[in-house]
Structures are given as C-alpha cells and as structure tokens.
Amino acid sequence: MSDIEVISPLPGVFYRQPSPEAPPFVETGDKVTPDTVIGLIEVMKQFSEIFAETRGTITAITIQNGDAVEPGQVLAIIKTDNE
C-alpha cells in the first residue's frame, strides 16, 4: 500500500459536492475506484470533475468546500489497495 496525492490540474474553486443541498462526493474513509469523482473545480462557470484515478481508501481531504485551488495543489490523499 502507498499514499497517492490527488492533485489539482487547474486553478479555480473546489467543490466537494455537486450542489449545496447534496452530500459530498466522498468522505474520509470512503473506498474509491479510478472512476470515483472526488470533487469539482469551477473555472469561469465551467465545472471539471476530479477523479480519484486509483483504487483505495480516502485518508484525507485537504481542501474545504468553496476553497480556491492552484494547479499542483493536493486535494486529497488515497491509500492504495494494490502493491
């Protein structure tokens, strides 16, 4: 097992949930697959899904809902199931 950092690919505003009344995409302790959406980044009213891109367990979410992010910033940490 190893820790994988999910990195922001672009600048914008990070959202942990699809809408204000919806639950977060993932929480600490959730199992994820490469296709699991962990959040959205909004840039000029355009939303990009951020995927886990690996199989494992979310051990930390390092960004709060509505926080500004920069490219290369860590969004979450996943402990992988493989290895």
PDB file of N, CA and C in Angstrom:
ATOM      1  N   MET A   1       0.835  -1.182   0.000  1.00  0.00           N
ATOM      2  CA  MET A   1       0.000   0.000   0.000  1.00  0.00           C
ATOM      3  C   MET A   1       0.882   1.248   0.000  1.00  0.00           C
ATOM      4  N   SER A   2       0.380   2.268  -0.642  1.00  0.00           N
ATOM      5  CA  SER A   2       1.092   3.541  -0.652  1.00  0.00           C
ATOM      6  C   SER A   2       0.075   4.670  -0.672  1.00  0.00           C
ATOM      7  N   ASP A   3       0.539   5.863  -0.310  1.00  0.00           N
ATOM      8  CA  ASP A   3      -0.327   7.035  -0.334  1.00  0.00           C
ATOM      9  C   ASP A   3      -0.168   7.755  -1.659  1.00  0.00           C
ATOM     10  N   ILE A   4      -1.290   8.046  -2.297  1.00  0.00           N
ATOM     11  CA  ILE A   4      -1.318   8.767  -3.565  1.00  0.00           C
ATOM     12  C   ILE A   4      -1.993  10.113  -3.316  1.00  0.00           C
ATOM     13  N   GLU A   5      -1.375  11.180  -3.798  1.00  0.00           N
ATOM     14  CA  GLU A   5      -1.974  12.506  -3.683  1.00  0.00           C
ATOM     15  C   GLU A   5      -2.777  12.804  -4.939  1.00  0.00           C
ATOM     16  N   VAL A   6      -4.006  13.238  -4.758  1.00  0.00           N
ATOM     17  CA  VAL A   6      -4.825  13.711  -5.877  1.00  0.00           C
ATOM     18  C   VAL A   6      -4.520  15.201  -6.002  1.00  0.00           C
ATOM     19  N   ILE A   7      -4.015  15.587  -7.166  1.00  0.00           N
ATOM     20  CA  ILE A   7      -3.512  16.936  -7.409  1.00  0.00           C
ATOM     21  C   ILE A   7      -4.481  17.720  -8.301  1.00  0.00           C
ATOM     22  N   SER A   8      -4.657  18.994  -7.993  1.00  0.00           N
ATOM     23  CA  SER A   8      -5.482  19.864  -8.833  1.00  0.00           C
ATOM     24  C   SER A   8      -4.776  20.094 -10.169  1.00  0.00           C
ATOM     25  N   PRO A   9      -5.471  19.836 -11.278  1.00  0.00           N
ATOM     26  CA  PRO A   9      -4.855  20.060 -12.591  1.00  0.00           C
ATOM     27  C   PRO A   9      -4.977  21.509 -13.074  1.00  0.00           C
ATOM     28  N   LEU A  10      -5.819  22.310 -12.400  1.00  0.00           N
ATOM     29  CA  LEU A  10      -6.051  23.674 -12.864  1.00  0.00           C
ATOM     30  C   LEU A  10      -6.457  24.570 -11.705  1.00  0.00           C
ATOM     31  N   PRO A  11      -6.381  25.887 -11.898  1.00  0.00           N
ATOM     32  CA  PRO A  11      -6.818  26.808 -10.846  1.00  0.00           C
ATOM     33  C   PRO A  11      -8.331  26.963 -10.872  1.00  0.00           C
ATOM     34  N   GLY A  12      -8.900  27.300  -9.738  1.00  0.00           N
ATOM     35  CA  GLY A  12     -10.336  27.520  -9.687  1.00  0.00           C
ATOM     36  C   GLY A  12     -10.846  27.398  -8.269  1.00  0.00           C
ATOM     37  N   VAL A  13     -12.128  27.080  -8.155  1.00  0.00           N
ATOM     38  CA  VAL A  13     -12.771  26.894  -6.859  1.00  0.00           C
ATOM     39  C   VAL A  13     -13.157  25.426  -6.751  1.00  0.00           C
ATOM     40  N   PHE A  14     -12.767  24.792  -5.636  1.00  0.00           N
ATOM     41  CA  PHE A  14     -13.032  23.370  -5.421  1.00  0.00           C
ATOM     42  C   PHE A  14     -14.358  23.190  -4.695  1.00  0.00           C
ATOM     43  N   TYR A  15     -15.170  22.272  -5.204  1.00  0.00           N
ATOM     44  CA  TYR A  15     -16.441  21.932  -4.569  1.00  0.00           C
ATOM     45  C   TYR A  15     -16.457  20.448  -4.247  1.00  0.00           C
ATOM     46  N   ARG A  16     -16.789  20.122  -3.001  1.00  0.00           N
ATOM     47  CA  ARG A  16     -16.836  18.735  -2.543  1.00  0.00           C
ATOM     48  C   ARG A  16     -18.169  18.073  -2.841  1.00  0.00           C
ATOM     49  N   GLN A  17     -19.173  18.853  -3.267  1.00  0.00           N
ATOM     50  CA  GLN A  17     -20.492  18.295  -3.526  1.00  0.00           C
ATOM     51  C   GLN A  17     -21.051  18.883  -4.824  1.00  0.00           C
ATOM     52  N   PRO A  18     -21.956  18.147  -5.486  1.00  0.00           N
ATOM     53  CA  PRO A  18     -22.468  18.611  -6.779  1.00  0.00           C
ATOM     54  C   PRO A  18     -23.397  19.808  -6.685  1.00  0.00           C
ATOM     55  N   SER A  19     -24.039  19.999  -5.520  1.00  0.00           N
ATOM     56  CA  SER A  19     -24.914  21.162  -5.293  1.00  0.00           C
ATOM     57  C   SER A  19     -24.938  21.426  -3.791  1.00  0.00           C
ATOM     58  N   PRO A  20     -25.351  22.632  -3.386  1.00  0.00           N
ATOM     59  CA  PRO A  20     -25.309  22.971  -1.958  1.00  0.00           C
ATOM     60  C   PRO A  20     -26.103  22.026  -1.053  1.00  0.00           C
ATOM     61  N   GLU A  21     -27.192  21.462  -1.553  1.00  0.00           N
ATOM     62  CA  GLU A  21     -28.014  20.585  -0.721  1.00  0.00           C
ATOM     63  C   GLU A  21     -27.637  19.107  -0.835  1.00  0.00           C
ATOM     64  N   ALA A  22     -26.709  18.769  -1.710  1.00  0.00           N
ATOM     65  CA  ALA A  22     -26.303  17.381  -1.914  1.00  0.00           C
ATOM     66  C   ALA A  22     -25.186  16.987  -0.945  1.00  0.00           C
ATOM     67  N   PRO A  23     -25.075  15.685  -0.661  1.00  0.00           N
ATOM     68  CA  PRO A  23     -23.967  15.236   0.187  1.00  0.00           C
ATOM     69  C   PRO A  23     -22.639  15.323  -0.581  1.00  0.00           C
ATOM     70  N   PRO A  24     -21.515  15.339   0.136  1.00  0.00           N
ATOM     71  CA  PRO A  24     -20.209  15.372  -0.533  1.00  0.00           C
ATOM     72  C   PRO A  24     -20.010  14.133  -1.418  1.00  0.00           C
ATOM     73  N   PHE A  25     -19.202  14.295  -2.458  1.00  0.00           N
ATOM     74  CA  PHE A  25     -18.886  13.162  -3.334  1.00  0.00           C
ATOM     75  C   PHE A  25     -18.239  12.041  -2.533  1.00  0.00           C
ATOM     76  N   VAL A  26     -17.251  12.373  -1.700  1.00  0.00           N
ATOM     77  CA  VAL A  26     -16.550  11.381  -0.875  1.00  0.00           C
ATOM     78  C   VAL A  26     -16.256  11.973   0.502  1.00  0.00           C
ATOM     79  N   GLU A  27     -16.064  11.078   1.454  1.00  0.00           N
ATOM     80  CA  GLU A  27     -15.674  11.442   2.814  1.00  0.00           C
ATOM     81  C   GLU A  27     -14.430  10.636   3.181  1.00  0.00           C
ATOM     82  N   THR A  28     -13.710  11.078   4.191  1.00  0.00           N
ATOM     83  CA  THR A  28     -12.577  10.323   4.698  1.00  0.00           C
ATOM     84  C   THR A  28     -13.068   8.934   5.102  1.00  0.00           C
ATOM     85  N   GLY A  29     -12.321   7.911   4.678  1.00  0.00           N
ATOM     86  CA  GLY A  29     -12.694   6.523   4.963  1.00  0.00           C
ATOM     87  C   GLY A  29     -13.436   5.837   3.843  1.00  0.00           C
ATOM     88  N   ASP A  30     -13.910   6.598   2.848  1.00  0.00           N
ATOM     89  CA  ASP A  30     -14.631   6.001   1.719  1.00  0.00           C
ATOM     90  C   ASP A  30     -13.680   5.235   0.817  1.00  0.00           C
ATOM     91  N   LYS A  31     -14.167   4.095   0.299  1.00  0.00           N
ATOM     92  CA  LYS A  31     -13.446   3.336  -0.730  1.00  0.00           C
ATOM     93  C   LYS A  31     -13.705   4.019  -2.071  1.00  0.00           C
ATOM     94  N   VAL A  32     -12.657   4.121  -2.905  1.00  0.00           N
ATOM     95  CA  VAL A  32     -12.791   4.743  -4.222  1.00  0.00           C
ATOM     96  C   VAL A  32     -12.194   3.852  -5.294  1.00  0.00           C
ATOM     97  N   THR A  33     -12.622   4.079  -6.527  1.00  0.00           N
ATOM     98  CA  THR A  33     -12.057   3.431  -7.711  1.00  0.00           C
ATOM     99  C   THR A  33     -11.526   4.543  -8.617  1.00  0.00           C
ATOM    100  N   PRO A  34     -10.823   4.187  -9.686  1.00  0.00           N
ATOM    101  CA  PRO A  34     -10.311   5.234 -10.574  1.00  0.00           C
ATOM    102  C   PRO A  34     -11.396   6.157 -11.138  1.00  0.00           C
ATOM    103  N   ASP A  35     -12.625   5.665 -11.253  1.00  0.00           N
ATOM    104  CA  ASP A  35     -13.723   6.461 -11.820  1.00  0.00           C
ATOM    105  C   ASP A  35     -14.515   7.260 -10.789  1.00  0.00           C
ATOM    106  N   THR A  36     -14.140   7.188  -9.515  1.00  0.00           N
ATOM    107  CA  THR A  36     -14.868   7.904  -8.467  1.00  0.00           C
ATOM    108  C   THR A  36     -14.575   9.404  -8.541  1.00  0.00           C
ATOM    109  N   VAL A  37     -15.630  10.207  -8.615  1.00  0.00           N
ATOM    110  CA  VAL A  37     -15.478  11.668  -8.587  1.00  0.00           C
ATOM    111  C   VAL A  37     -15.261  12.081  -7.130  1.00  0.00           C
ATOM    112  N   ILE A  38     -14.188  12.836  -6.869  1.00  0.00           N
ATOM    113  CA  ILE A  38     -13.958  13.301  -5.504  1.00  0.00           C
ATOM    114  C   ILE A  38     -14.362  14.763  -5.326  1.00  0.00           C
ATOM    115  N   GLY A  39     -14.539  15.477  -6.438  1.00  0.00           N
ATOM    116  CA  GLY A  39     -14.942  16.870  -6.350  1.00  0.00           C
ATOM    117  C   GLY A  39     -15.010  17.520  -7.720  1.00  0.00           C
ATOM    118  N   LEU A  40     -15.336  18.805  -7.714  1.00  0.00           N
ATOM    119  CA  LEU A  40     -15.416  19.605  -8.939  1.00  0.00           C
ATOM    120  C   LEU A  40     -14.529  20.827  -8.781  1.00  0.00           C
ATOM    121  N   ILE A  41     -13.933  21.259  -9.882  1.00  0.00           N
ATOM    122  CA  ILE A  41     -13.241  22.537  -9.895  1.00  0.00           C
ATOM    123  C   ILE A  41     -13.952  23.420 -10.906  1.00  0.00           C
ATOM    124  N   GLU A  42     -14.332  24.609 -10.435  1.00  0.00           N
ATOM    125  CA  GLU A  42     -15.040  25.557 -11.289  1.00  0.00           C
ATOM    126  C   GLU A  42     -14.083  26.660 -11.731  1.00  0.00           C
ATOM    127  N   VAL A  43     -14.053  26.865 -13.042  1.00  0.00           N
ATOM    128  CA  VAL A  43     -13.272  27.945 -13.636  1.00  0.00           C
ATOM    129  C   VAL A  43     -14.195  28.679 -14.601  1.00  0.00           C
ATOM    130  N   MET A  44     -14.489  29.919 -14.317  1.00  0.00           N
ATOM    131  CA  MET A  44     -15.332  30.748 -15.186  1.00  0.00           C
ATOM    132  C   MET A  44     -16.642  30.052 -15.548  1.00  0.00           C
ATOM    133  N   LYS A  45     -17.330  29.560 -14.530  1.00  0.00           N
ATOM    134  CA  LYS A  45     -18.643  28.906 -14.663  1.00  0.00           C
ATOM    135  C   LYS A  45     -18.594  27.572 -15.402  1.00  0.00           C
ATOM    136  N   GLN A  46     -17.409  27.025 -15.601  1.00  0.00           N
ATOM    137  CA  GLN A  46     -17.261  25.709 -16.212  1.00  0.00           C
ATOM    138  C   GLN A  46     -16.739  24.755 -15.147  1.00  0.00           C
ATOM    139  N   PHE A  47     -17.402  23.618 -14.986  1.00  0.00           N
ATOM    140  CA  PHE A  47     -17.061  22.666 -13.930  1.00  0.00           C
ATOM    141  C   PHE A  47     -16.339  21.461 -14.513  1.00  0.00           C
ATOM    142  N   SER A  48     -15.222  21.086 -13.891  1.00  0.00           N
ATOM    143  CA  SER A  48     -14.448  19.909 -14.289  1.00  0.00           C
ATOM    144  C   SER A  48     -14.453  18.912 -13.137  1.00  0.00           C
ATOM    145  N   GLU A  49     -14.813  17.661 -13.451  1.00  0.00           N
ATOM    146  CA  GLU A  49     -14.799  16.619 -12.434  1.00  0.00           C
ATOM    147  C   GLU A  49     -13.361  16.214 -12.134  1.00  0.00           C
ATOM    148  N   ILE A  50     -13.077  15.974 -10.867  1.00  0.00           N
ATOM    149  CA  ILE A  50     -11.772  15.480 -10.442  1.00  0.00           C
ATOM    150  C   ILE A  50     -11.987  14.046  -9.972  1.00  0.00           C
ATOM    151  N   PHE A  51     -11.247  13.124 -10.571  1.00  0.00           N
ATOM    152  CA  PHE A  51     -11.405  11.700 -10.293  1.00  0.00           C
ATOM    153  C   PHE A  51     -10.302  11.197  -9.369  1.00  0.00           C
ATOM    154  N   ALA A  52     -10.593  10.117  -8.644  1.00  0.00           N
ATOM    155  CA  ALA A  52      -9.606   9.508  -7.755  1.00  0.00           C
ATOM    156  C   ALA A  52      -8.423   8.958  -8.556  1.00  0.00           C
ATOM    157  N   GLU A  53      -8.691   8.391  -9.716  1.00  0.00           N
ATOM    158  CA  GLU A  53      -7.681   7.849 -10.629  1.00  0.00           C
ATOM    159  C   GLU A  53      -6.879   6.684 -10.062  1.00  0.00           C
ATOM    160  N   THR A  54      -7.313   6.131  -8.933  1.00  0.00           N
ATOM    161  CA  THR A  54      -6.693   4.940  -8.360  1.00  0.00           C
ATOM    162  C   THR A  54      -7.718   4.248  -7.477  1.00  0.00           C
ATOM    163  N   ARG A  55      -7.417   3.010  -7.110  1.00  0.00           N
ATOM    164  CA  ARG A  55      -8.300   2.248  -6.223  1.00  0.00           C
ATOM    165  C   ARG A  55      -7.722   2.313  -4.816  1.00  0.00           C
ATOM    166  N   GLY A  56      -8.566   2.627  -3.817  1.00  0.00           N
ATOM    167  CA  GLY A  56      -8.080   2.695  -2.453  1.00  0.00           C
ATOM    168  C   GLY A  56      -9.088   3.313  -1.511  1.00  0.00           C
ATOM    169  N   THR A  57      -8.575   3.898  -0.431  1.00  0.00           N
ATOM    170  CA  THR A  57      -9.397   4.499   0.613  1.00  0.00           C
ATOM    171  C   THR A  57      -8.965   5.939   0.832  1.00  0.00           C
ATOM    172  N   ILE A  58      -9.935   6.849   0.878  1.00  0.00           N
ATOM    173  CA  ILE A  58      -9.636   8.261   1.155  1.00  0.00           C
ATOM    174  C   ILE A  58      -9.139   8.362   2.599  1.00  0.00           C
ATOM    175  N   THR A  59      -7.909   8.854   2.787  1.00  0.00           N
ATOM    176  CA  THR A  59      -7.384   9.028   4.143  1.00  0.00           C
ATOM    177  C   THR A  59      -7.424  10.494   4.574  1.00  0.00           C
ATOM    178  N   ALA A  60      -7.489  11.409   3.619  1.00  0.00           N
ATOM    179  CA  ALA A  60      -7.566  12.838   3.952  1.00  0.00           C
ATOM    180  C   ALA A  60      -8.135  13.620   2.784  1.00  0.00           C
ATOM    181  N   ILE A  61      -8.937  14.612   3.110  1.00  0.00           N
ATOM    182  CA  ILE A  61      -9.383  15.604   2.133  1.00  0.00           C
ATOM    183  C   ILE A  61      -8.778  16.914   2.613  1.00  0.00           C
ATOM    184  N   THR A  62      -7.902  17.488   1.808  1.00  0.00           N
ATOM    185  CA  THR A  62      -7.080  18.606   2.268  1.00  0.00           C
ATOM    186  C   THR A  62      -7.648  19.979   1.921  1.00  0.00           C
ATOM    187  N   ILE A  63      -8.771  20.004   1.204  1.00  0.00           N
ATOM    188  CA  ILE A  63      -9.377  21.266   0.761  1.00  0.00           C
ATOM    189  C   ILE A  63     -10.817  21.320   1.251  1.00  0.00           C
ATOM    190  N   GLN A  64     -11.228  22.459   1.717  1.00  0.00           N
ATOM    191  CA  GLN A  64     -12.616  22.649   2.150  1.00  0.00           C
ATOM    192  C   GLN A  64     -13.488  23.043   0.952  1.00  0.00           C
ATOM    193  N   ASN A  65     -14.775  22.781   1.077  1.00  0.00           N
ATOM    194  CA  ASN A  65     -15.727  23.156   0.045  1.00  0.00           C
ATOM    195  C   ASN A  65     -15.683  24.668  -0.181  1.00  0.00           C
ATOM    196  N   GLY A  66     -15.521  25.085  -1.434  1.00  0.00           N
ATOM    197  CA  GLY A  66     -15.508  26.506  -1.777  1.00  0.00           C
ATOM    198  C   GLY A  66     -14.149  27.166  -1.723  1.00  0.00           C
ATOM    199  N   ASP A  67     -13.104  26.401  -1.367  1.00  0.00           N
ATOM    200  CA  ASP A  67     -11.749  26.965  -1.320  1.00  0.00           C
ATOM    201  C   ASP A  67     -11.178  27.152  -2.724  1.00  0.00           C
ATOM    202  N   ALA A  68     -10.394  28.215  -2.898  1.00  0.00           N
ATOM    203  CA  ALA A  68      -9.656  28.423  -4.147  1.00  0.00           C
ATOM    204  C   ALA A  68      -8.480  27.455  -4.182  1.00  0.00           C
ATOM    205  N   VAL A  69      -8.213  26.899  -5.362  1.00  0.00           N
ATOM    206  CA  VAL A  69      -7.085  25.980  -5.533  1.00  0.00           C
ATOM    207  C   VAL A  69      -6.211  26.439  -6.693  1.00  0.00           C
ATOM    208  N   GLU A  70      -4.965  26.019  -6.643  1.00  0.00           N
ATOM    209  CA  GLU A  70      -3.990  26.305  -7.695  1.00  0.00           C
ATOM    210  C   GLU A  70      -3.540  24.993  -8.316  1.00  0.00           C
ATOM    211  N   PRO A  71      -3.034  25.009  -9.555  1.00  0.00           N
ATOM    212  CA  PRO A  71      -2.515  23.793 -10.161  1.00  0.00           C
ATOM    213  C   PRO A  71      -1.398  23.210  -9.290  1.00  0.00           C
ATOM    214  N   GLY A  72      -1.438  21.896  -9.107  1.00  0.00           N
ATOM    215  CA  GLY A  72      -0.423  21.220  -8.317  1.00  0.00           C
ATOM    216  C   GLY A  72      -0.755  21.113  -6.841  1.00  0.00           C
ATOM    217  N   GLN A  73      -1.840  21.749  -6.410  1.00  0.00           N
ATOM    218  CA  GLN A  73      -2.231  21.694  -5.000  1.00  0.00           C
ATOM    219  C   GLN A  73      -2.867  20.339  -4.695  1.00  0.00           C
ATOM    220  N   VAL A  74      -2.544  19.769  -3.544  1.00  0.00           N
ATOM    221  CA  VAL A  74      -3.100  18.476  -3.131  1.00  0.00           C
ATOM    222  C   VAL A  74      -4.548  18.667  -2.686  1.00  0.00           C
ATOM    223  N   LEU A  75      -5.442  17.854  -3.251  1.00  0.00           N
ATOM    224  CA  LEU A  75      -6.859  17.919  -2.923  1.00  0.00           C
ATOM    225  C   LEU A  75      -7.254  16.828  -1.930  1.00  0.00           C
ATOM    226  N   ALA A  76      -6.662  15.646  -2.097  1.00  0.00           N
ATOM    227  CA  ALA A  76      -6.993  14.505  -1.242  1.00  0.00           C
ATOM    228  C   ALA A  76      -5.826  13.523  -1.259  1.00  0.00           C
ATOM    229  N   ILE A  77      -5.830  12.644  -0.258  1.00  0.00           N
ATOM    230  CA  ILE A  77      -4.823  11.580  -0.190  1.00  0.00           C
ATOM    231  C   ILE A  77      -5.559  10.253  -0.132  1.00  0.00           C
ATOM    232  N   ILE A  78      -5.091   9.316  -0.960  1.00  0.00           N
ATOM    233  CA  ILE A  78      -5.710   7.995  -1.051  1.00  0.00           C
ATOM    234  C   ILE A  78      -4.668   6.942  -0.723  1.00  0.00           C
ATOM    235  N   LYS A  79      -5.004   6.028   0.195  1.00  0.00           N
ATOM    236  CA  LYS A  79      -4.152   4.869   0.474  1.00  0.00           C
ATOM    237  C   LYS A  79      -4.575   3.792  -0.508  1.00  0.00           C
ATOM    238  N   THR A  80      -3.652   3.391  -1.372  1.00  0.00           N
ATOM    239  CA  THR A  80      -3.988   2.441  -2.436  1.00  0.00           C
ATOM    240  C   THR A  80      -4.183   1.043  -1.882  1.00  0.00           C
ATOM    241  N   ASP A  81      -4.992   0.255  -2.593  1.00  0.00           N
ATOM    242  CA  ASP A  81      -5.254  -1.135  -2.231  1.00  0.00           C
ATOM    243  C   ASP A  81      -4.226  -2.072  -2.841  1.00  0.00           C
ATOM    244  N   ASN A  82      -3.580  -1.641  -3.916  1.00  0.00           N
ATOM    245  CA  ASN A  82      -2.624  -2.513  -4.610  1.00  0.00           C
ATOM    246  C   ASN A  82      -1.236  -2.370  -4.020  1.00  0.00           C
ATOM    247  N   GLU A  83      -0.346  -3.222  -4.419  1.00  0.00           N
ATOM    248  CA  GLU A  83       1.062  -3.285  -4.006  1.00  0.00           C
ATOM    249  C   GLU A  83       1.237  -4.200  -2.864  1.00  0.00           C
TER     250      GLU A  83
END
